[in-house]
Amino acid sequence: MVKYDYLIVGAGLFGAVFAHEMTSRGKKCLVIDKRDHVAGNIYSEEVEGIHVHKYGAHIFHTSNPKIWEYMKQFADFNHYINSPVAVYRDELYNLPFNMNTFSKMWGVRTPQEAKDKIAEQIASLEIKDPKNLEEQALSLVGSDVYEKLVKGYTEKQWGRDCKELPAFIIKRLPLRFVYDNNYFNDRYQGIPMGGYTTIVEKMLEGSDVLLNTDYFEYRKFHTNIADKTVYTGMLDQYFEYRLGVLEYRSVRFEQETLDMENYQGNAVVNYTEREIPYTRIIEHKHFEFGTQPKTVISREYPSEWKQGEEPYYPVNDARNEELAAKYRELAASEPNVIFGGRLGEYRYYDMDKVVDAALTAVQEQLC
């Protein structure tokens, strides 16, 4: 039986970066994944000549020039700028909240007029100590922005009324008093030409890869396959849920190919009414300025997560964070296991932070 330096559980971004760095240093890596493809949630597949983000939109953005240059080893990035549109009933608004949003909402033209309008609404509510997410949001943006652009979308995302959600979930809501629809403040932003899957495939060159392979079954029969394990699955599952089950939110995707060139005119359109069951529609061709004769859209439906289903992001409320901290203590006592990624650390990470964390884990191994 082949002996490896590292068994890497999960062929997503964290695992792929770690594998690439270690194989380039002469280490032998075995990467396993329970899915039938690599790239985890950033997996993209080609449909009608369009690179479809199978598990939701992923726009790479970072302010770290080292991470940007690192990713450019594996792909050329285009100049896509994320500028979502929000639909509320028969009204259309630009996101993030900026002067285009405020002008459409109130007919104002200057930043001071917008600031005065928001301040007037906040003052009229007289919320001194926000007790829940609704009060927190109202105290930050006033009633109009909250009712039209925050309330329904947030309730769909979390599956709960905003009054039932803790205030600390929203620490701030960015208000930009400029006419700029760029969602991210990061200096570097774009979509990899050719899709994300190609990036991960390049990262995994030199590693052995096993797909359709469940780690918990695999380790029963291959206990000594590697000196160390890099684990990017669910933190609580690794420890067989011995302290309790951490909560996640899940997402269901409804994909449709349409016989038209252009469905909605934008890559990302959010639907902020609670009554519309999906949170947004993604039209994938716009990420790469596509001119294909057909188009592919995906509707995203947030859902409660149940054991056995695919988790997408952690529920970082007080109860889960307390439990996660206990699991992280257990993880720290596993000398030959490296826990990484959103699920392995039970933290919400953007892609650039995942790459950075993987590179940090590599350096720690080399010390």
Protein backbone atom coordinates (compact mmCIF):
# COMPACT_ATOMS: atom_id res chain seq x y z
CA MET A 1 0.00 0.00 0.00
CA VAL A 2 1.27 3.47 -0.90
CA LYS A 3 2.18 5.61 2.08
CA TYR A 4 1.46 9.34 1.86
CA ASP A 5 2.71 12.34 3.75
CA TYR A 6 -0.77 13.89 3.76
CA LEU A 7 -4.29 12.58 3.36
CA ILE A 8 -6.33 15.61 2.33
CA VAL A 9 -10.06 15.28 2.95
CA GLY A 10 -11.91 17.52 0.52
CA ALA A 11 -10.88 18.65 -2.96
CA GLY A 12 -12.11 22.19 -2.45
CA LEU A 13 -10.01 25.34 -2.42
CA PHE A 14 -8.31 24.83 0.95
CA GLY A 15 -7.39 21.23 0.22
CA ALA A 16 -6.25 22.01 -3.32
CA VAL A 17 -3.97 24.89 -2.27
CA PHE A 18 -2.47 22.76 0.50
CA ALA A 19 -1.91 19.84 -1.90
CA HIS A 20 -0.30 22.07 -4.52
CA GLU A 21 2.13 23.61 -2.07
CA MET A 22 3.12 20.30 -0.53
CA THR A 23 3.56 18.38 -3.79
CA SER A 24 5.72 21.23 -5.10
CA ARG A 25 7.97 20.55 -2.09
CA GLY A 26 8.20 16.85 -2.84
CA LYS A 27 5.53 15.61 -0.45
CA LYS A 28 3.14 12.82 -1.45
CA CYS A 29 -0.53 13.81 -1.11
CA LEU A 30 -3.72 11.79 -1.47
CA VAL A 31 -6.84 13.94 -1.93
CA ILE A 32 -10.25 12.34 -1.41
CA ASP A 33 -13.70 13.80 -1.87
CA LYS A 34 -17.18 12.36 -1.39
CA ARG A 35 -18.47 14.15 -4.51
CA ASP A 36 -17.87 12.96 -8.05
CA HIS A 37 -15.85 16.06 -8.94
CA VAL A 38 -13.08 18.27 -7.58
CA ALA A 39 -13.33 21.96 -6.61
CA GLY A 40 -15.95 21.65 -3.85
CA ASN A 41 -18.47 24.48 -3.84
CA ILE A 42 -16.51 26.53 -6.38
CA TYR A 43 -17.04 23.79 -8.97
CA SER A 44 -18.08 25.14 -12.36
CA GLU A 45 -19.32 23.08 -15.29
CA GLU A 46 -19.81 24.02 -18.92
CA VAL A 47 -23.40 24.21 -20.21
CA GLU A 48 -24.12 25.63 -23.68
CA GLY A 49 -20.59 27.04 -23.70
CA ILE A 50 -21.25 28.88 -20.41
CA HIS A 51 -19.28 28.24 -17.21
CA VAL A 52 -22.04 27.60 -14.68
CA HIS A 53 -21.28 28.09 -10.97
CA LYS A 54 -22.95 24.88 -9.83
CA TYR A 55 -23.13 25.73 -6.13
CA GLY A 56 -23.82 29.44 -6.24
CA ALA A 57 -22.04 32.51 -7.53
CA HIS A 58 -18.35 32.86 -6.67
CA ILE A 59 -16.61 36.13 -7.45
CA PHE A 60 -12.96 36.20 -6.48
CA HIS A 61 -12.02 39.42 -4.70
CA THR A 62 -9.20 40.41 -2.42
CA SER A 63 -7.19 43.38 -1.19
CA ASN A 64 -4.12 41.21 -0.70
CA PRO A 65 -1.78 41.51 -3.71
CA LYS A 66 0.08 38.33 -2.72
CA ILE A 67 -3.13 36.27 -2.83
CA TRP A 68 -4.12 37.87 -6.15
CA GLU A 69 -0.76 37.04 -7.72
CA TYR A 70 -0.92 33.54 -6.27
CA MET A 71 -4.27 32.81 -7.91
CA LYS A 72 -3.11 34.26 -11.24
CA GLN A 73 -0.63 31.38 -11.49
CA PHE A 74 -3.55 29.12 -12.32
CA ALA A 75 -5.83 31.27 -14.48
CA ASP A 76 -6.28 34.62 -16.17
CA PHE A 77 -8.97 36.70 -14.50
CA ASN A 78 -11.30 39.02 -16.35
CA HIS A 79 -12.38 42.49 -15.18
CA TYR A 80 -15.84 41.51 -13.89
CA ILE A 81 -17.16 43.89 -11.22
CA ASN A 82 -19.92 42.60 -8.96
CA SER A 83 -22.86 45.04 -9.20
CA PRO A 84 -26.03 43.26 -8.04
CA VAL A 85 -29.54 44.55 -8.61
CA ALA A 86 -32.32 44.15 -6.03
CA VAL A 87 -35.97 43.65 -6.95
CA TYR A 88 -38.64 44.70 -4.45
CA ARG A 89 -42.15 44.28 -5.88
CA ASP A 90 -42.11 46.40 -9.05
CA GLU A 91 -39.09 48.46 -7.97
CA LEU A 92 -35.43 47.97 -8.94
CA TYR A 93 -32.51 49.14 -6.79
CA ASN A 94 -28.75 49.03 -7.07
CA LEU A 95 -26.65 47.23 -4.46
CA PRO A 96 -24.72 47.89 -2.32
CA PHE A 97 -26.71 50.72 -0.75
CA ASN A 98 -25.32 53.78 -2.52
CA MET A 99 -26.43 57.05 -4.04
CA ASN A 100 -28.06 55.27 -6.99
CA THR A 101 -30.14 53.34 -4.44
CA PHE A 102 -31.08 56.43 -2.44
CA SER A 103 -31.84 58.52 -5.50
CA LYS A 104 -34.24 55.88 -6.78
CA MET A 105 -35.84 55.40 -3.36
CA TRP A 106 -36.34 59.03 -2.33
CA GLY A 107 -35.57 61.23 -5.33
CA VAL A 108 -32.54 62.78 -3.60
CA ARG A 109 -29.45 63.87 -5.52
CA THR A 110 -26.76 64.81 -2.99
CA PRO A 111 -25.06 62.73 -0.28
CA GLN A 112 -26.18 65.17 2.39
CA GLU A 113 -29.82 64.79 1.37
CA ALA A 114 -29.50 61.01 1.64
CA LYS A 115 -27.75 61.22 5.01
CA ASP A 116 -30.44 63.57 6.33
CA LYS A 117 -33.22 61.24 5.17
CA ILE A 118 -31.65 58.21 6.84
CA ALA A 119 -30.87 60.14 10.04
CA GLU A 120 -34.46 61.43 10.18
CA GLN A 121 -35.85 57.90 9.95
CA ILE A 122 -33.43 56.52 12.53
CA ALA A 123 -34.24 59.33 14.97
CA SER A 124 -37.99 58.80 14.62
CA LEU A 125 -37.65 55.14 15.66
CA GLU A 126 -35.98 56.01 18.99
CA ILE A 127 -34.16 52.65 19.28
CA LYS A 128 -31.58 53.04 22.04
CA ASP A 129 -30.58 49.43 22.73
CA PRO A 130 -31.38 47.05 19.83
CA LYS A 131 -32.81 43.78 21.16
CA ASN A 132 -32.90 41.84 17.89
CA LEU A 133 -31.76 41.96 14.29
CA GLU A 134 -34.73 44.03 13.18
CA GLU A 135 -34.07 46.77 15.71
CA GLN A 136 -30.35 46.66 14.95
CA ALA A 137 -30.91 47.07 11.21
CA LEU A 138 -33.48 49.83 11.69
CA SER A 139 -31.04 51.71 13.92
CA LEU A 140 -28.42 51.52 11.18
CA VAL A 141 -30.30 52.27 7.94
CA GLY A 142 -33.81 53.50 8.85
CA SER A 143 -37.17 52.05 7.90
CA ASP A 144 -37.25 52.36 4.09
CA VAL A 145 -33.99 50.60 3.31
CA TYR A 146 -34.73 47.98 5.95
CA GLU A 147 -38.26 47.18 4.77
CA LYS A 148 -37.43 47.07 1.08
CA LEU A 149 -33.92 45.67 0.93
CA VAL A 150 -33.00 43.97 4.22
CA LYS A 151 -35.99 42.42 5.98
CA GLY A 152 -37.36 39.90 3.48
CA TYR A 153 -33.99 38.84 2.11
CA THR A 154 -32.56 38.28 5.59
CA GLU A 155 -35.60 36.29 6.74
CA LYS A 156 -35.30 34.02 3.71
CA GLN A 157 -31.58 33.56 4.31
CA TRP A 158 -32.03 32.56 7.93
CA GLY A 159 -35.49 31.02 7.79
CA ARG A 160 -36.63 33.14 10.72
CA ASP A 161 -38.37 36.43 11.41
CA CYS A 162 -35.88 39.25 11.94
CA LYS A 163 -37.33 39.81 15.41
CA GLU A 164 -36.23 36.27 16.31
CA LEU A 165 -32.63 36.78 15.19
CA PRO A 166 -29.97 38.21 17.52
CA ALA A 167 -28.83 41.78 16.96
CA PHE A 168 -25.14 40.90 16.69
CA ILE A 169 -25.62 39.08 13.36
CA ILE A 170 -25.64 42.52 11.71
CA LYS A 171 -22.75 44.54 13.11
CA ARG A 172 -23.01 47.07 10.31
CA LEU A 173 -24.81 47.68 7.03
CA PRO A 174 -22.59 49.57 4.57
CA LEU A 175 -24.05 52.85 3.37
CA ARG A 176 -22.06 54.43 0.55
CA PHE A 177 -22.77 58.03 -0.29
CA VAL A 178 -21.26 57.84 -3.78
CA TYR A 179 -22.69 56.82 -7.15
CA ASP A 180 -20.80 53.51 -7.28
CA ASN A 181 -22.41 50.07 -7.73
CA ASN A 182 -19.22 48.06 -7.09
CA TYR A 183 -20.27 45.63 -4.35
CA PHE A 184 -16.77 44.94 -3.06
CA ASN A 185 -14.24 47.44 -1.79
CA ASP A 186 -11.35 45.14 -2.66
CA ARG A 187 -8.72 46.34 -5.11
CA TYR A 188 -8.60 43.05 -7.04
CA GLN A 189 -11.70 41.39 -8.42
CA GLY A 190 -12.68 39.11 -11.27
CA ILE A 191 -13.78 35.74 -12.60
CA PRO A 192 -11.24 33.15 -13.80
CA MET A 193 -11.44 32.66 -17.54
CA GLY A 194 -12.26 29.00 -18.09
CA GLY A 195 -13.99 28.55 -14.75
CA TYR A 196 -12.92 27.62 -11.24
CA THR A 197 -12.70 23.88 -11.86
CA THR A 198 -9.69 24.37 -14.13
CA ILE A 199 -7.88 26.23 -11.33
CA VAL A 200 -8.38 23.37 -8.86
CA GLU A 201 -7.40 20.75 -11.43
CA LYS A 202 -4.11 22.58 -11.94
CA MET A 203 -3.56 22.82 -8.20
CA LEU A 204 -4.08 19.07 -7.83
CA GLU A 205 -1.55 18.09 -10.48
CA GLY A 206 0.98 15.81 -8.81
CA SER A 207 -1.47 14.57 -6.16
CA ASP A 208 -3.39 11.31 -6.23
CA VAL A 209 -7.14 11.98 -6.23
CA LEU A 210 -10.00 9.67 -5.23
CA LEU A 211 -13.57 10.86 -5.86
CA ASN A 212 -16.83 9.32 -4.63
CA THR A 213 -14.93 8.48 -1.47
CA ASP A 214 -16.39 9.04 2.00
CA TYR A 215 -13.67 9.83 4.51
CA PHE A 216 -15.37 8.15 7.45
CA GLU A 217 -15.69 4.88 5.55
CA TYR A 218 -12.24 5.21 4.03
CA ARG A 219 -10.43 5.69 7.31
CA LYS A 220 -11.89 2.47 8.74
CA PHE A 221 -9.76 0.47 6.31
CA HIS A 222 -6.84 2.85 5.74
CA THR A 223 -5.86 3.98 9.21
CA ASN A 224 -2.17 4.37 8.39
CA ILE A 225 -2.43 5.68 4.83
CA ALA A 226 -0.70 8.98 5.69
CA ASP A 227 1.43 10.58 8.35
CA LYS A 228 -1.00 13.49 8.71
CA THR A 229 -4.56 14.38 7.72
CA VAL A 230 -5.87 17.68 6.39
CA TYR A 231 -9.58 17.70 7.19
CA THR A 232 -11.96 20.19 5.54
CA GLY A 233 -15.26 18.48 6.35
CA MET A 234 -17.69 19.37 9.13
CA LEU A 235 -15.90 19.98 12.42
CA ASP A 236 -18.52 18.30 14.60
CA GLN A 237 -18.83 15.28 12.32
CA TYR A 238 -15.12 14.53 12.68
CA PHE A 239 -15.72 14.06 16.41
CA GLU A 240 -18.93 12.07 15.78
CA TYR A 241 -21.06 14.92 17.18
CA ARG A 242 -19.99 13.99 20.70
CA LEU A 243 -20.63 17.49 22.08
CA GLY A 244 -23.76 18.15 20.01
CA VAL A 245 -24.62 19.13 16.46
CA LEU A 246 -23.54 22.46 15.00
CA GLU A 247 -26.08 24.24 12.83
CA TYR A 248 -25.63 25.19 9.19
CA ARG A 249 -27.73 26.78 6.51
CA SER A 250 -28.17 25.01 3.22
CA VAL A 251 -29.13 26.15 -0.28
CA ARG A 252 -31.11 24.45 -3.01
CA PHE A 253 -30.35 25.40 -6.62
CA GLU A 254 -32.85 25.27 -9.46
CA GLN A 255 -31.01 25.49 -12.78
CA GLU A 256 -32.66 26.25 -16.11
CA THR A 257 -31.34 26.62 -19.66
CA LEU A 258 -33.29 29.19 -21.65
CA ASP A 259 -33.50 29.61 -25.42
CA MET A 260 -32.68 33.32 -25.34
CA GLU A 261 -29.55 35.43 -25.34
CA ASN A 262 -30.25 37.47 -22.22
CA TYR A 263 -32.70 36.79 -19.39
CA GLN A 264 -32.17 39.53 -16.80
CA GLY A 265 -29.33 41.73 -18.04
CA ASN A 266 -27.15 41.21 -14.97
CA ALA A 267 -25.23 38.34 -13.37
CA VAL A 268 -26.85 38.74 -9.94
CA VAL A 269 -30.41 39.87 -9.20
CA ASN A 270 -31.65 39.66 -5.59
CA TYR A 271 -35.33 39.27 -4.70
CA THR A 272 -35.91 40.93 -1.37
CA GLU A 273 -39.60 40.16 -0.76
CA ARG A 274 -40.24 37.40 1.76
CA GLU A 275 -43.09 36.09 -0.39
CA ILE A 276 -40.77 35.15 -3.27
CA PRO A 277 -39.16 31.88 -2.11
CA TYR A 278 -35.76 32.31 -3.75
CA THR A 279 -33.22 34.92 -2.68
CA ARG A 280 -31.63 35.57 -6.05
CA ILE A 281 -31.30 34.55 -9.67
CA ILE A 282 -27.84 34.12 -11.17
CA GLU A 283 -27.37 34.44 -14.94
CA HIS A 284 -23.98 32.83 -15.37
CA LYS A 285 -22.95 34.09 -18.82
CA HIS A 286 -22.68 37.67 -17.55
CA PHE A 287 -19.75 36.72 -15.30
CA GLU A 288 -17.67 36.29 -18.46
CA PHE A 289 -19.49 38.75 -20.74
CA GLY A 290 -20.84 35.81 -22.76
CA THR A 291 -22.44 36.14 -26.18
CA GLN A 292 -23.80 32.59 -26.47
CA PRO A 293 -27.22 32.23 -28.17
CA LYS A 294 -28.67 30.58 -25.05
CA THR A 295 -28.44 31.41 -21.36
CA VAL A 296 -28.38 29.49 -18.07
CA ILE A 297 -29.96 30.78 -14.87
CA SER A 298 -29.98 29.44 -11.31
CA ARG A 299 -32.52 30.26 -8.61
CA GLU A 300 -31.24 29.98 -5.05
CA TYR A 301 -33.54 28.74 -2.28
CA PRO A 302 -32.11 28.93 1.27
CA SER A 303 -33.17 26.04 3.49
CA GLU A 304 -32.76 24.55 6.92
CA TRP A 305 -29.91 22.08 7.11
CA LYS A 306 -30.44 18.54 8.35
CA GLN A 307 -27.81 15.91 9.01
CA GLY A 308 -26.97 14.12 5.80
CA GLU A 309 -27.63 17.20 3.65
CA GLU A 310 -25.01 19.47 2.13
CA PRO A 311 -24.00 22.28 4.54
CA TYR A 312 -23.15 25.65 2.99
CA TYR A 313 -22.41 28.12 5.74
CA PRO A 314 -22.31 28.11 9.54
CA VAL A 315 -24.91 29.72 11.76
CA ASN A 316 -22.65 31.92 13.85
CA ASP A 317 -25.03 32.76 16.68
CA ALA A 318 -24.05 32.61 20.35
CA ARG A 319 -25.11 28.99 20.90
CA ASN A 320 -23.24 27.65 17.88
CA GLU A 321 -20.14 29.74 18.47
CA GLU A 322 -19.92 28.45 22.04
CA LEU A 323 -20.23 24.85 20.84
CA ALA A 324 -17.78 25.42 17.99
CA ALA A 325 -15.21 26.77 20.45
CA LYS A 326 -15.40 23.49 22.37
CA TYR A 327 -14.93 21.52 19.18
CA ARG A 328 -11.96 23.70 18.24
CA GLU A 329 -10.39 22.79 21.58
CA LEU A 330 -10.77 19.13 20.68
CA ALA A 331 -9.30 19.83 17.25
CA ALA A 332 -6.25 21.48 18.82
CA SER A 333 -5.58 18.24 20.72
CA GLU A 334 -5.31 16.21 17.48
CA PRO A 335 -1.57 16.45 16.75
CA ASN A 336 -1.67 14.85 13.31
CA VAL A 337 -4.81 16.51 11.95
CA ILE A 338 -5.03 19.96 10.35
CA PHE A 339 -8.55 21.42 10.30
CA GLY A 340 -9.27 23.96 7.57
CA GLY A 341 -11.88 25.71 5.47
CA ARG A 342 -15.39 26.90 6.28
CA LEU A 343 -16.60 23.56 7.58
CA GLY A 344 -13.39 22.40 9.21
CA GLU A 345 -13.11 25.59 11.24
CA TYR A 346 -16.82 26.46 11.37
CA ARG A 347 -16.15 29.98 10.13
CA TYR A 348 -17.47 32.00 7.21
CA TYR A 349 -14.55 32.58 4.83
CA ASP A 350 -14.37 34.40 1.51
CA MET A 351 -12.25 32.60 -1.08
CA ASP A 352 -9.18 34.79 -0.63
CA LYS A 353 -9.22 34.10 3.10
CA VAL A 354 -9.45 30.36 2.42
CA VAL A 355 -6.36 30.56 0.21
CA ASP A 356 -4.52 32.62 2.83
CA ALA A 357 -5.47 30.17 5.60
CA ALA A 358 -4.26 27.20 3.52
CA LEU A 359 -0.94 28.90 2.80
CA THR A 360 -0.56 29.67 6.50
CA ALA A 361 -1.24 26.02 7.35
CA VAL A 362 1.49 25.00 4.90
CA GLN A 363 4.01 27.36 6.49
CA GLU A 364 3.16 26.02 9.95
CA GLN A 365 3.88 22.51 8.70
CA LEU A 366 7.23 23.56 7.32
CA CYS A 367 8.41 25.24 10.51
